[in-house]
Amino acid sequence: MSEELAGLDLVLRRTELEKDLARVLDEGVPGGWQSLKFEARSAGKVTESLTYVYRNGVEERANSKAAFSLLRPLRKLMYRPDYGTWFSMEMHLDNQGHAETHYNFDEEEDWSFPLADRSYQQDQQRFPRDPEHIPGWLAPKLGLGSHGS
């Protein structure tokens, strides 16, 4: 397979996973909502996610185990050798069927609990980044001192 076709296959698979995620979020929330926001963070073996449901000007929170199960395959698919993969993602859905997804590959996330450095070390083992692609905040967590970009 040519490099161009392989790249296209990755984009199509990513789109498919994002559509699956949007579908399970929609199916997991009772109707009548105006918009949904799904946030997820992941490092090593630790992942957390939360869905915000906006209905009649009121924010509700929900969890989706089905959505949660799609995160690891999405991180694996989006891994770029030497650059790593995303640490967090956010998907916005509206009740008209529009979805928008943003990924964070470099910024430190605000976890709901203290995340052990070991999780970042496991992440580096699974999705290695070259030193020039390790953010400054991440280097000390990997035991690299303040090296990194």
C-alpha atoms as a PDB file:
ATOM      1  CA  MET A   1       0.000   0.000   0.000  1.00  0.00           C
ATOM      2  CA  SER A   2       1.382   3.411  -0.888  1.00  0.00           C
ATOM      3  CA  GLU A   3       2.109   5.921   1.882  1.00  0.00           C
ATOM      4  CA  GLU A   4      -0.659   8.167   0.548  1.00  0.00           C
ATOM      5  CA  LEU A   5      -3.239   5.360   0.681  1.00  0.00           C
ATOM      6  CA  ALA A   6      -2.082   4.359   4.159  1.00  0.00           C
ATOM      7  CA  GLY A   7      -2.569   7.960   5.308  1.00  0.00           C
ATOM      8  CA  LEU A   8      -6.033   8.057   3.779  1.00  0.00           C
ATOM      9  CA  ASP A   9      -6.901   4.787   5.519  1.00  0.00           C
ATOM     10  CA  LEU A  10      -5.877   6.314   8.877  1.00  0.00           C
ATOM     11  CA  VAL A  11      -8.020   9.394   8.275  1.00  0.00           C
ATOM     12  CA  LEU A  12     -11.006   7.233   7.322  1.00  0.00           C
ATOM     13  CA  ARG A  13     -10.555   5.015  10.400  1.00  0.00           C
ATOM     14  CA  ARG A  14     -10.240   8.092  12.648  1.00  0.00           C
ATOM     15  CA  THR A  15     -13.425   9.529  11.141  1.00  0.00           C
ATOM     16  CA  GLU A  16     -15.157   6.203  11.706  1.00  0.00           C
ATOM     17  CA  LEU A  17     -14.088   6.086  15.365  1.00  0.00           C
ATOM     18  CA  GLU A  18     -15.170   9.709  15.887  1.00  0.00           C
ATOM     19  CA  LYS A  19     -18.587   8.928  14.347  1.00  0.00           C
ATOM     20  CA  ASP A  20     -18.888   5.868  16.611  1.00  0.00           C
ATOM     21  CA  LEU A  21     -18.043   8.057  19.603  1.00  0.00           C
ATOM     22  CA  ALA A  22     -20.644  10.677  18.625  1.00  0.00           C
ATOM     23  CA  ARG A  23     -23.242   7.934  18.124  1.00  0.00           C
ATOM     24  CA  VAL A  24     -22.682   6.290  21.512  1.00  0.00           C
ATOM     25  CA  LEU A  25     -22.748   9.667  23.243  1.00  0.00           C
ATOM     26  CA  ASP A  26     -26.041  10.525  21.549  1.00  0.00           C
ATOM     27  CA  GLU A  27     -27.522   7.108  22.330  1.00  0.00           C
ATOM     28  CA  GLY A  28     -26.389   7.259  25.945  1.00  0.00           C
ATOM     29  CA  VAL A  29     -28.248  10.453  26.801  1.00  0.00           C
ATOM     30  CA  PRO A  30     -32.038  10.848  27.018  1.00  0.00           C
ATOM     31  CA  GLY A  31     -33.413  13.063  24.225  1.00  0.00           C
ATOM     32  CA  GLY A  32     -34.226  16.734  24.438  1.00  0.00           C
ATOM     33  CA  TRP A  33     -30.666  18.009  24.761  1.00  0.00           C
ATOM     34  CA  GLN A  34     -29.314  20.990  22.815  1.00  0.00           C
ATOM     35  CA  SER A  35     -25.629  20.084  22.975  1.00  0.00           C
ATOM     36  CA  LEU A  36     -23.157  17.641  24.476  1.00  0.00           C
ATOM     37  CA  LYS A  37     -19.524  18.065  25.415  1.00  0.00           C
ATOM     38  CA  PHE A  38     -17.397  14.984  25.971  1.00  0.00           C
ATOM     39  CA  GLU A  39     -13.995  15.378  27.637  1.00  0.00           C
ATOM     40  CA  ALA A  40     -11.419  12.632  28.046  1.00  0.00           C
ATOM     41  CA  ARG A  41      -7.864  12.428  29.373  1.00  0.00           C
ATOM     42  CA  SER A  42      -5.509   9.491  29.101  1.00  0.00           C
ATOM     43  CA  ALA A  43      -1.955   8.580  30.061  1.00  0.00           C
ATOM     44  CA  GLY A  44      -0.532   5.104  30.444  1.00  0.00           C
ATOM     45  CA  LYS A  45      -3.207   2.814  31.856  1.00  0.00           C
ATOM     46  CA  VAL A  46      -5.296   5.651  33.287  1.00  0.00           C
ATOM     47  CA  THR A  47      -8.215   7.245  31.461  1.00  0.00           C
ATOM     48  CA  GLU A  48     -11.015   9.455  32.692  1.00  0.00           C
ATOM     49  CA  SER A  49     -13.933  10.950  30.834  1.00  0.00           C
ATOM     50  CA  LEU A  50     -17.048  12.958  31.471  1.00  0.00           C
ATOM     51  CA  THR A  51     -19.999  14.004  29.349  1.00  0.00           C
ATOM     52  CA  TYR A  52     -21.678  17.372  29.854  1.00  0.00           C
ATOM     53  CA  VAL A  53     -25.287  17.533  28.669  1.00  0.00           C
ATOM     54  CA  TYR A  54     -26.843  20.935  28.014  1.00  0.00           C
ATOM     55  CA  ARG A  55     -30.638  20.894  28.157  1.00  0.00           C
ATOM     56  CA  ASN A  56     -32.804  24.031  28.459  1.00  0.00           C
ATOM     57  CA  GLY A  57     -29.886  26.094  29.735  1.00  0.00           C
ATOM     58  CA  VAL A  58     -28.991  23.568  32.429  1.00  0.00           C
ATOM     59  CA  GLU A  59     -25.783  21.527  32.527  1.00  0.00           C
ATOM     60  CA  GLU A  60     -26.046  17.876  33.556  1.00  0.00           C
ATOM     61  CA  ARG A  61     -23.201  15.394  33.826  1.00  0.00           C
ATOM     62  CA  ALA A  62     -23.186  11.826  32.597  1.00  0.00           C
ATOM     63  CA  ASN A  63     -20.739   8.991  32.040  1.00  0.00           C
ATOM     64  CA  SER A  64     -20.619   6.664  29.069  1.00  0.00           C
ATOM     65  CA  LYS A  65     -18.893   3.298  29.330  1.00  0.00           C
ATOM     66  CA  ALA A  66     -19.436   2.739  25.607  1.00  0.00           C
ATOM     67  CA  ALA A  67     -17.671   6.025  24.785  1.00  0.00           C
ATOM     68  CA  PHE A  68     -14.894   5.176  27.221  1.00  0.00           C
ATOM     69  CA  SER A  69     -14.148   1.945  25.327  1.00  0.00           C
ATOM     70  CA  LEU A  70     -13.429   3.882  22.109  1.00  0.00           C
ATOM     71  CA  LEU A  71     -10.665   6.033  23.590  1.00  0.00           C
ATOM     72  CA  ARG A  72      -7.793   3.528  23.629  1.00  0.00           C
ATOM     73  CA  PRO A  73      -8.267   2.534  19.965  1.00  0.00           C
ATOM     74  CA  LEU A  74      -8.449   6.225  19.040  1.00  0.00           C
ATOM     75  CA  ARG A  75      -5.219   7.032  20.908  1.00  0.00           C
ATOM     76  CA  LYS A  76      -3.472   4.060  19.300  1.00  0.00           C
ATOM     77  CA  LEU A  77      -4.679   5.006  15.830  1.00  0.00           C
ATOM     78  CA  MET A  78      -3.547   8.617  16.220  1.00  0.00           C
ATOM     79  CA  TYR A  79      -0.060   7.747  17.473  1.00  0.00           C
ATOM     80  CA  ARG A  80       2.667   9.231  15.291  1.00  0.00           C
ATOM     81  CA  PRO A  81       6.087   7.631  15.721  1.00  0.00           C
ATOM     82  CA  ASP A  82       8.504   9.963  17.512  1.00  0.00           C
ATOM     83  CA  TYR A  83       5.700  12.515  18.194  1.00  0.00           C
ATOM     84  CA  GLY A  84       3.407  10.556  20.534  1.00  0.00           C
ATOM     85  CA  THR A  85      -0.356  10.653  20.725  1.00  0.00           C
ATOM     86  CA  TRP A  86      -2.945  12.864  22.380  1.00  0.00           C
ATOM     87  CA  PHE A  87      -3.254  13.333  26.133  1.00  0.00           C
ATOM     88  CA  SER A  88      -6.793  14.680  25.990  1.00  0.00           C
ATOM     89  CA  MET A  89      -9.636  15.214  23.612  1.00  0.00           C
ATOM     90  CA  GLU A  90     -12.882  17.115  23.571  1.00  0.00           C
ATOM     91  CA  MET A  91     -15.886  16.473  21.345  1.00  0.00           C
ATOM     92  CA  HIS A  92     -18.807  18.873  20.950  1.00  0.00           C
ATOM     93  CA  LEU A  93     -22.105  17.668  19.510  1.00  0.00           C
ATOM     94  CA  ASP A  94     -25.241  19.626  18.764  1.00  0.00           C
ATOM     95  CA  ASN A  95     -28.771  18.321  18.307  1.00  0.00           C
ATOM     96  CA  GLN A  96     -28.517  18.916  14.546  1.00  0.00           C
ATOM     97  CA  GLY A  97     -25.920  16.178  14.149  1.00  0.00           C
ATOM     98  CA  HIS A  98     -22.818  18.388  13.937  1.00  0.00           C
ATOM     99  CA  ALA A  99     -19.704  17.190  15.734  1.00  0.00           C
ATOM    100  CA  GLU A 100     -16.374  18.902  16.310  1.00  0.00           C
ATOM    101  CA  THR A 101     -13.383  17.205  17.918  1.00  0.00           C
ATOM    102  CA  HIS A 102     -10.186  18.722  19.281  1.00  0.00           C
ATOM    103  CA  TYR A 103      -7.098  16.848  20.447  1.00  0.00           C
ATOM    104  CA  ASN A 104      -4.364  17.964  22.834  1.00  0.00           C
ATOM    105  CA  PHE A 105      -0.974  16.436  22.079  1.00  0.00           C
ATOM    106  CA  ASP A 106       1.271  18.720  24.138  1.00  0.00           C
ATOM    107  CA  GLU A 107      -0.422  20.536  27.024  1.00  0.00           C
ATOM    108  CA  GLU A 108      -0.578  19.184  30.579  1.00  0.00           C
ATOM    109  CA  GLU A 109      -4.080  18.212  31.584  1.00  0.00           C
ATOM    110  CA  ASP A 110      -5.963  19.052  34.754  1.00  0.00           C
ATOM    111  CA  TRP A 111      -6.934  15.625  36.076  1.00  0.00           C
ATOM    112  CA  SER A 112      -9.649  15.243  38.709  1.00  0.00           C
ATOM    113  CA  PHE A 113      -7.060  13.476  40.911  1.00  0.00           C
ATOM    114  CA  PRO A 114      -3.266  13.513  41.245  1.00  0.00           C
ATOM    115  CA  LEU A 115      -1.887  11.446  38.380  1.00  0.00           C
ATOM    116  CA  ALA A 116       1.263   9.505  39.225  1.00  0.00           C
ATOM    117  CA  ASP A 117       4.351  10.088  37.073  1.00  0.00           C
ATOM    118  CA  ARG A 118       4.307   6.330  36.396  1.00  0.00           C
ATOM    119  CA  SER A 119       1.274   6.823  34.146  1.00  0.00           C
ATOM    120  CA  TYR A 120       3.229   9.222  31.944  1.00  0.00           C
ATOM    121  CA  GLN A 121       6.186   6.831  31.937  1.00  0.00           C
ATOM    122  CA  GLN A 122       3.901   3.998  30.794  1.00  0.00           C
ATOM    123  CA  ASP A 123       2.531   6.304  28.108  1.00  0.00           C
ATOM    124  CA  GLN A 124       6.056   7.077  26.902  1.00  0.00           C
ATOM    125  CA  GLN A 125       6.784   3.339  26.679  1.00  0.00           C
ATOM    126  CA  ARG A 126       3.632   2.656  24.682  1.00  0.00           C
ATOM    127  CA  PHE A 127       3.660   5.821  22.537  1.00  0.00           C
ATOM    128  CA  PRO A 128       7.308   6.962  22.473  1.00  0.00           C
ATOM    129  CA  ARG A 129       8.216  10.566  21.775  1.00  0.00           C
ATOM    130  CA  ASP A 130      11.634  11.689  20.680  1.00  0.00           C
ATOM    131  CA  PRO A 131      13.263  14.122  23.148  1.00  0.00           C
ATOM    132  CA  GLU A 132      12.526  17.118  20.923  1.00  0.00           C
ATOM    133  CA  HIS A 133       8.795  16.253  21.069  1.00  0.00           C
ATOM    134  CA  ILE A 134       8.584  15.920  24.856  1.00  0.00           C
ATOM    135  CA  PRO A 135       6.915  19.032  26.329  1.00  0.00           C
ATOM    136  CA  GLY A 136       8.789  20.788  29.132  1.00  0.00           C
ATOM    137  CA  TRP A 137       6.143  19.882  31.742  1.00  0.00           C
ATOM    138  CA  LEU A 138       6.419  16.174  30.803  1.00  0.00           C
ATOM    139  CA  ALA A 139      10.217  15.786  30.932  1.00  0.00           C
ATOM    140  CA  PRO A 140      10.501  15.747  34.774  1.00  0.00           C
ATOM    141  CA  LYS A 141       7.636  13.224  34.993  1.00  0.00           C
ATOM    142  CA  LEU A 142       9.638  10.945  32.710  1.00  0.00           C
ATOM    143  CA  GLY A 143      12.747  11.344  34.849  1.00  0.00           C
ATOM    144  CA  LEU A 144      14.465  13.544  32.264  1.00  0.00           C
ATOM    145  CA  GLY A 145      14.944  16.600  34.475  1.00  0.00           C
ATOM    146  CA  SER A 146      13.942  19.803  32.755  1.00  0.00           C
ATOM    147  CA  HIS A 147      15.069  18.618  29.302  1.00  0.00           C
ATOM    148  CA  GLY A 148      12.544  18.578  26.528  1.00  0.00           C
ATOM    149  CA  SER A 149      11.008  21.342  24.500  1.00  0.00           C
END
